[in-house]
Amino acid sequence: MSLKAKIEAVIYACEEPVTLAQLVGLLGDEAQAELDRAVSAQQTLSLNELEAGQAGQPQDETAAGEEITQANDGEETAMHGALEAGATVDAAATAAAARAERSRLARLRAHFRVLLDQLIAEYASPERGLEIREVAGGFRFATKPEYHDAVRGFIKTLKPPLKLTMQSLETLAVVAYKQPVTAPEISEIRGVDSSAVLGSLLARKLIATAGRKHVIGRPILYKTTREFLLKFGLKEVSELPSIEEFEKMAGQLAEQEEMAMGNGTPEPPATANDPSAAEAGTQSGESL
């Protein structure tokens, strides 16, 4: 099995996004062996080319090359002698080993990133229903947005997801766009007391406290969490739609609720996997 196939399997099996550091820790030895084989093959190719070039050179050029090699060997011997005579040989060796290890890890991360980019490109094909997204500092599989309706129809036949009410969605939006923000500021923006809703969002770990504001009374500040990014399939908060787009979506939700109430059939509250609730970045088939 190829290293790329193993990376694909690991990402698929994990519920949480898989980071580069985790991949290096899990598959680093195999990746290092793969890099060593590539270096060895390159060295063999270079040696063969060098030998082929030397075969056509006059004898005196070969002799000159040997003299240069001997001179270099003499210089290296002198340098080694100087190092052995110094008192900082061990410190220099330790520092060199640390640099070599950092360089090795950097090469491994770069190698894994190349393989991940290849996987991302392969799944970007229109023939694929899945894609690999970079979310919250890691990588995870997700269904493509264009197949959301099919996935949502299937999900509806399963156990209902934990739902977000319109009040929760509004409060979460205020926190997301204004963070860090205090409870009084949230209530002022929404026009109603939001304390109970904040408690619900805290319990679901979609928001967290972010210290206290340096004003009279020192009210608690709130911010979104990594769980928020995971549930809505976002790499970072900057991927959220603009305020205008969100207000438009919120208005559409409000209209749907009013129409449902008028027909006597209550509309279910918005969920995280509802495209009208979080059109940009919401992962198809995923719920709170």
Protein backbone atom coordinates (compact mmCIF):
# COMPACT_ATOMS: atom_id res chain seq x y z
CA MET A 1 0.00 0.00 0.00
CA SER A 2 1.34 3.42 -0.93
CA LEU A 3 1.93 6.15 1.62
CA LYS A 4 -0.67 8.36 -0.08
CA ALA A 5 -3.26 5.60 0.23
CA LYS A 6 -2.53 5.29 3.95
CA ILE A 7 -2.97 9.04 4.41
CA GLU A 8 -6.31 8.81 2.62
CA ALA A 9 -7.42 5.94 4.89
CA VAL A 10 -6.39 7.77 8.07
CA ILE A 11 -8.28 10.96 7.11
CA TYR A 12 -11.36 8.93 6.22
CA ALA A 13 -11.32 6.99 9.51
CA CYS A 14 -10.93 10.02 11.78
CA GLU A 15 -13.87 12.10 12.93
CA GLU A 16 -11.57 14.99 13.83
CA PRO A 17 -9.43 16.78 11.21
CA VAL A 18 -6.02 15.12 10.84
CA THR A 19 -3.06 17.51 11.16
CA LEU A 20 0.33 17.37 9.45
CA ALA A 21 1.96 16.82 12.85
CA GLN A 22 -0.22 13.76 13.46
CA LEU A 23 0.62 12.33 10.04
CA VAL A 24 4.34 12.87 10.62
CA GLY A 25 4.11 11.14 14.00
CA LEU A 26 2.11 8.21 12.64
CA LEU A 27 3.67 7.66 9.21
CA GLY A 28 6.94 9.58 9.52
CA ASP A 29 9.21 6.50 9.40
CA GLU A 30 7.58 5.25 6.23
CA ALA A 31 7.78 8.69 4.66
CA GLN A 32 11.46 8.96 5.61
CA ALA A 33 12.16 5.60 3.99
CA GLU A 34 10.38 6.80 0.85
CA LEU A 35 12.48 9.97 0.77
CA ASP A 36 15.68 7.98 1.36
CA ARG A 37 14.87 5.70 -1.58
CA ALA A 38 14.29 8.72 -3.79
CA VAL A 39 17.62 10.27 -2.74
CA SER A 40 19.45 6.97 -3.27
CA ALA A 41 17.96 6.60 -6.75
CA GLN A 42 19.00 10.16 -7.62
CA GLN A 43 22.55 9.58 -6.36
CA THR A 44 22.83 6.39 -8.40
CA LEU A 45 21.66 8.22 -11.50
CA SER A 46 24.14 11.06 -10.91
CA LEU A 47 26.99 8.57 -10.33
CA ASN A 48 26.20 6.75 -13.56
CA GLU A 49 26.19 10.03 -15.47
CA LEU A 50 29.51 11.03 -13.87
CA GLU A 51 31.14 7.71 -14.74
CA ALA A 52 29.90 7.97 -18.30
CA GLY A 53 31.42 11.46 -18.59
CA GLN A 54 34.75 10.41 -17.06
CA ALA A 55 35.09 7.51 -19.49
CA GLY A 56 35.66 9.94 -22.36
CA GLN A 57 38.11 12.27 -20.52
CA PRO A 58 41.91 12.18 -21.10
CA GLN A 59 44.04 10.51 -18.45
CA ASP A 60 45.67 13.78 -17.32
CA GLU A 61 42.26 15.25 -16.42
CA THR A 62 41.50 12.19 -14.31
CA ALA A 63 44.84 12.57 -12.56
CA ALA A 64 44.15 16.24 -11.90
CA GLY A 65 40.81 15.27 -10.40
CA GLU A 66 42.55 12.82 -8.09
CA GLU A 67 44.99 15.53 -6.96
CA ILE A 68 42.10 17.83 -6.15
CA THR A 69 40.39 15.05 -4.19
CA GLN A 70 43.61 14.40 -2.24
CA ALA A 71 43.95 18.13 -1.48
CA ASN A 72 40.37 18.26 -0.25
CA ASP A 73 40.95 15.20 1.89
CA GLY A 74 43.98 16.93 3.40
CA GLU A 75 41.96 20.02 4.24
CA GLU A 76 39.22 17.92 5.81
CA THR A 77 41.79 16.06 7.91
CA ALA A 78 43.20 19.37 9.16
CA MET A 79 39.72 20.64 10.03
CA HIS A 80 38.89 17.45 11.91
CA GLY A 81 42.10 17.79 13.86
CA ALA A 82 41.27 21.33 14.84
CA LEU A 83 37.80 20.31 16.02
CA GLU A 84 39.12 17.42 18.05
CA ALA A 85 41.56 19.77 19.74
CA GLY A 86 38.79 22.19 20.75
CA ALA A 87 36.71 21.99 23.90
CA THR A 88 33.38 22.60 22.12
CA VAL A 89 33.23 19.50 19.99
CA ASP A 90 30.31 17.97 21.87
CA ALA A 91 28.31 21.21 21.81
CA ALA A 92 28.90 21.60 18.10
CA ALA A 93 27.84 18.02 17.45
CA THR A 94 24.68 18.47 19.51
CA ALA A 95 23.78 21.66 17.67
CA ALA A 96 24.44 20.00 14.32
CA ALA A 97 22.24 17.05 15.30
CA ALA A 98 19.41 19.41 16.32
CA ARG A 99 19.67 21.28 13.02
CA ALA A 100 19.65 18.01 11.12
CA GLU A 101 16.52 16.87 12.98
CA ARG A 102 14.69 20.13 12.29
CA SER A 103 15.65 19.86 8.64
CA ARG A 104 14.43 16.26 8.53
CA LEU A 105 11.06 17.16 10.05
CA ALA A 106 10.68 20.08 7.64
CA ARG A 107 11.31 17.74 4.70
CA LEU A 108 8.77 15.27 6.06
CA ARG A 109 6.10 17.96 6.48
CA ALA A 110 6.77 19.20 2.97
CA HIS A 111 6.51 15.64 1.62
CA PHE A 112 3.19 15.04 3.39
CA ARG A 113 1.88 18.38 2.14
CA VAL A 114 2.71 17.39 -1.44
CA LEU A 115 0.86 14.08 -1.02
CA LEU A 116 -2.12 15.86 0.57
CA ASP A 117 -2.27 18.36 -2.29
CA GLN A 118 -2.28 15.45 -4.73
CA LEU A 119 -5.18 13.82 -2.86
CA ILE A 120 -7.10 17.11 -2.74
CA ALA A 121 -6.64 17.51 -6.50
CA GLU A 122 -7.78 13.93 -7.18
CA TYR A 123 -10.96 14.38 -5.13
CA ALA A 124 -11.66 17.71 -6.83
CA SER A 125 -12.65 15.71 -9.93
CA PRO A 126 -16.36 16.11 -10.86
CA GLU A 127 -16.60 12.31 -10.80
CA ARG A 128 -16.10 12.34 -7.03
CA GLY A 129 -18.86 13.03 -4.53
CA LEU A 130 -16.39 13.65 -1.70
CA GLU A 131 -13.65 16.20 -1.21
CA ILE A 132 -10.84 16.74 1.28
CA ARG A 133 -11.16 20.04 3.10
CA GLU A 134 -8.65 21.91 5.24
CA VAL A 135 -10.64 22.60 8.39
CA ALA A 136 -9.54 23.98 11.78
CA GLY A 137 -5.85 23.29 11.18
CA GLY A 138 -6.31 19.76 9.79
CA PHE A 139 -7.76 17.77 6.92
CA ARG A 140 -11.05 15.84 6.74
CA PHE A 141 -13.40 14.30 4.22
CA ALA A 142 -16.67 16.05 3.38
CA THR A 143 -19.44 15.68 0.83
CA LYS A 144 -19.36 18.25 -1.96
CA PRO A 145 -21.87 21.14 -1.69
CA GLU A 146 -23.47 20.29 -5.04
CA TYR A 147 -24.65 16.96 -3.62
CA HIS A 148 -26.09 18.51 -0.48
CA ASP A 149 -29.72 17.90 -1.43
CA ALA A 150 -29.15 14.17 -1.96
CA VAL A 151 -27.24 13.83 1.32
CA ARG A 152 -29.78 15.94 3.22
CA GLY A 153 -32.63 13.81 1.92
CA PHE A 154 -30.90 10.72 3.23
CA ILE A 155 -30.01 12.30 6.58
CA LYS A 156 -33.67 13.16 7.14
CA THR A 157 -34.43 9.45 7.19
CA LEU A 158 -31.98 8.99 10.08
CA LYS A 159 -32.06 10.11 13.67
CA PRO A 160 -32.75 13.88 13.75
CA PRO A 161 -29.70 16.06 14.42
CA LEU A 162 -29.39 18.37 17.38
CA LYS A 163 -31.03 21.60 16.21
CA LEU A 164 -30.30 25.29 16.45
CA THR A 165 -33.25 27.58 16.99
CA MET A 166 -33.47 30.90 15.19
CA GLN A 167 -32.57 32.64 18.47
CA SER A 168 -29.47 30.46 18.88
CA LEU A 169 -28.45 31.04 15.29
CA GLU A 170 -28.81 34.82 15.65
CA THR A 171 -26.79 34.86 18.88
CA LEU A 172 -24.11 32.62 17.39
CA ALA A 173 -23.88 34.92 14.38
CA VAL A 174 -23.39 37.98 16.60
CA VAL A 175 -20.60 36.23 18.48
CA ALA A 176 -18.98 35.03 15.24
CA TYR A 177 -18.97 38.45 13.58
CA LYS A 178 -18.33 40.66 16.62
CA GLN A 179 -16.04 38.47 18.74
CA PRO A 180 -14.85 38.97 21.35
CA VAL A 181 -18.19 40.37 22.52
CA THR A 182 -20.01 40.69 25.85
CA ALA A 183 -23.50 39.48 26.76
CA PRO A 184 -24.89 43.06 27.10
CA GLU A 185 -23.51 43.91 23.65
CA ILE A 186 -25.13 40.80 22.16
CA SER A 187 -28.47 41.63 23.80
CA GLU A 188 -28.27 45.21 22.55
CA ILE A 189 -27.66 44.06 18.97
CA ARG A 190 -30.46 41.47 19.08
CA GLY A 191 -32.84 43.67 21.03
CA VAL A 192 -33.64 40.92 23.56
CA ASP A 193 -31.92 39.31 26.53
CA SER A 194 -29.57 36.59 25.24
CA SER A 195 -28.30 35.11 28.52
CA ALA A 196 -30.21 31.84 28.22
CA VAL A 197 -29.19 31.36 24.59
CA LEU A 198 -25.54 32.00 25.48
CA GLY A 199 -25.76 29.27 28.10
CA SER A 200 -27.08 26.83 25.51
CA LEU A 201 -24.30 27.68 23.05
CA LEU A 202 -21.70 27.32 25.81
CA ALA A 203 -23.08 23.89 26.68
CA ARG A 204 -22.77 22.81 23.06
CA LYS A 205 -19.19 24.16 23.00
CA LEU A 206 -19.91 26.38 20.00
CA ILE A 207 -18.73 29.43 21.96
CA ALA A 208 -16.36 29.89 24.90
CA THR A 209 -15.33 32.66 27.27
CA ALA A 210 -12.45 34.89 26.19
CA GLY A 211 -11.57 36.76 29.38
CA ARG A 212 -13.18 39.96 30.60
CA LYS A 213 -13.56 43.36 28.98
CA HIS A 214 -11.59 46.16 30.65
CA VAL A 215 -14.56 48.38 31.44
CA ILE A 216 -16.64 49.05 34.54
CA GLY A 217 -18.08 45.77 35.78
CA ARG A 218 -15.57 43.74 33.68
CA PRO A 219 -18.22 41.73 31.76
CA ILE A 220 -17.26 38.35 30.29
CA LEU A 221 -16.23 38.24 26.64
CA TYR A 222 -17.35 35.45 24.30
CA LYS A 223 -15.79 33.98 21.15
CA THR A 224 -16.43 31.05 18.81
CA THR A 225 -14.54 27.79 19.32
CA ARG A 226 -12.76 25.20 17.25
CA GLU A 227 -15.94 23.13 17.58
CA PHE A 228 -17.78 25.94 15.75
CA LEU A 229 -15.30 25.69 12.86
CA LEU A 230 -15.70 21.90 12.80
CA LYS A 231 -19.49 21.93 12.78
CA PHE A 232 -19.73 24.52 10.04
CA GLY A 233 -16.83 23.15 7.98
CA LEU A 234 -14.76 26.34 8.12
CA LYS A 235 -10.99 26.68 7.95
CA GLU A 236 -11.16 29.98 9.83
CA VAL A 237 -13.75 32.59 10.83
CA SER A 238 -12.81 34.79 7.87
CA GLU A 239 -14.55 32.26 5.59
CA LEU A 240 -17.95 33.29 6.99
CA PRO A 241 -20.29 35.04 4.54
CA SER A 242 -20.56 38.82 4.75
CA ILE A 243 -22.98 40.46 7.19
CA GLU A 244 -25.26 41.38 4.29
CA GLU A 245 -25.38 37.77 3.04
CA PHE A 246 -26.08 36.48 6.53
CA GLU A 247 -28.87 39.01 7.10
CA LYS A 248 -30.44 37.89 3.82
CA MET A 249 -30.29 34.24 4.90
CA ALA A 250 -31.71 35.10 8.34
CA GLY A 251 -34.59 36.97 6.67
CA GLN A 252 -35.35 33.96 4.48
CA LEU A 253 -35.43 31.73 7.57
CA ALA A 254 -37.78 34.11 9.34
CA GLU A 255 -40.13 34.13 6.33
CA GLN A 256 -40.12 30.33 6.23
CA GLU A 257 -41.03 30.17 9.93
CA GLU A 258 -43.87 32.66 9.48
CA MET A 259 -45.26 30.74 6.50
CA ALA A 260 -45.03 27.48 8.41
CA MET A 261 -46.86 28.94 11.41
CA GLY A 262 -49.54 30.33 9.11
CA ASN A 263 -50.12 26.88 7.64
CA GLY A 264 -50.34 25.34 11.08
CA THR A 265 -47.31 23.12 10.49
CA PRO A 266 -44.37 24.36 12.54
CA GLU A 267 -41.15 24.58 10.58
CA PRO A 268 -38.28 22.73 12.27
CA PRO A 269 -35.57 25.00 13.68
CA ALA A 270 -32.48 25.67 11.58
CA THR A 271 -29.69 23.14 11.82
CA ALA A 272 -26.01 23.45 11.11
CA ASN A 273 -26.35 21.33 7.99
CA ASP A 274 -29.10 23.53 6.54
CA PRO A 275 -27.69 25.50 3.61
CA SER A 276 -30.00 28.41 4.32
CA ALA A 277 -28.66 28.58 7.88
CA ALA A 278 -24.97 28.55 6.98
CA GLU A 279 -24.63 28.49 3.22
CA ALA A 280 -20.93 29.28 3.11
CA GLY A 281 -18.75 26.56 4.58
CA THR A 282 -21.46 24.27 5.99
CA GLN A 283 -20.45 20.66 5.56
CA SER A 284 -23.11 18.57 3.87
CA GLY A 285 -24.52 15.80 5.99
CA GLU A 286 -23.09 17.18 9.24
CA SER A 287 -25.14 18.37 12.15
CA LEU A 288 -24.75 19.87 15.58
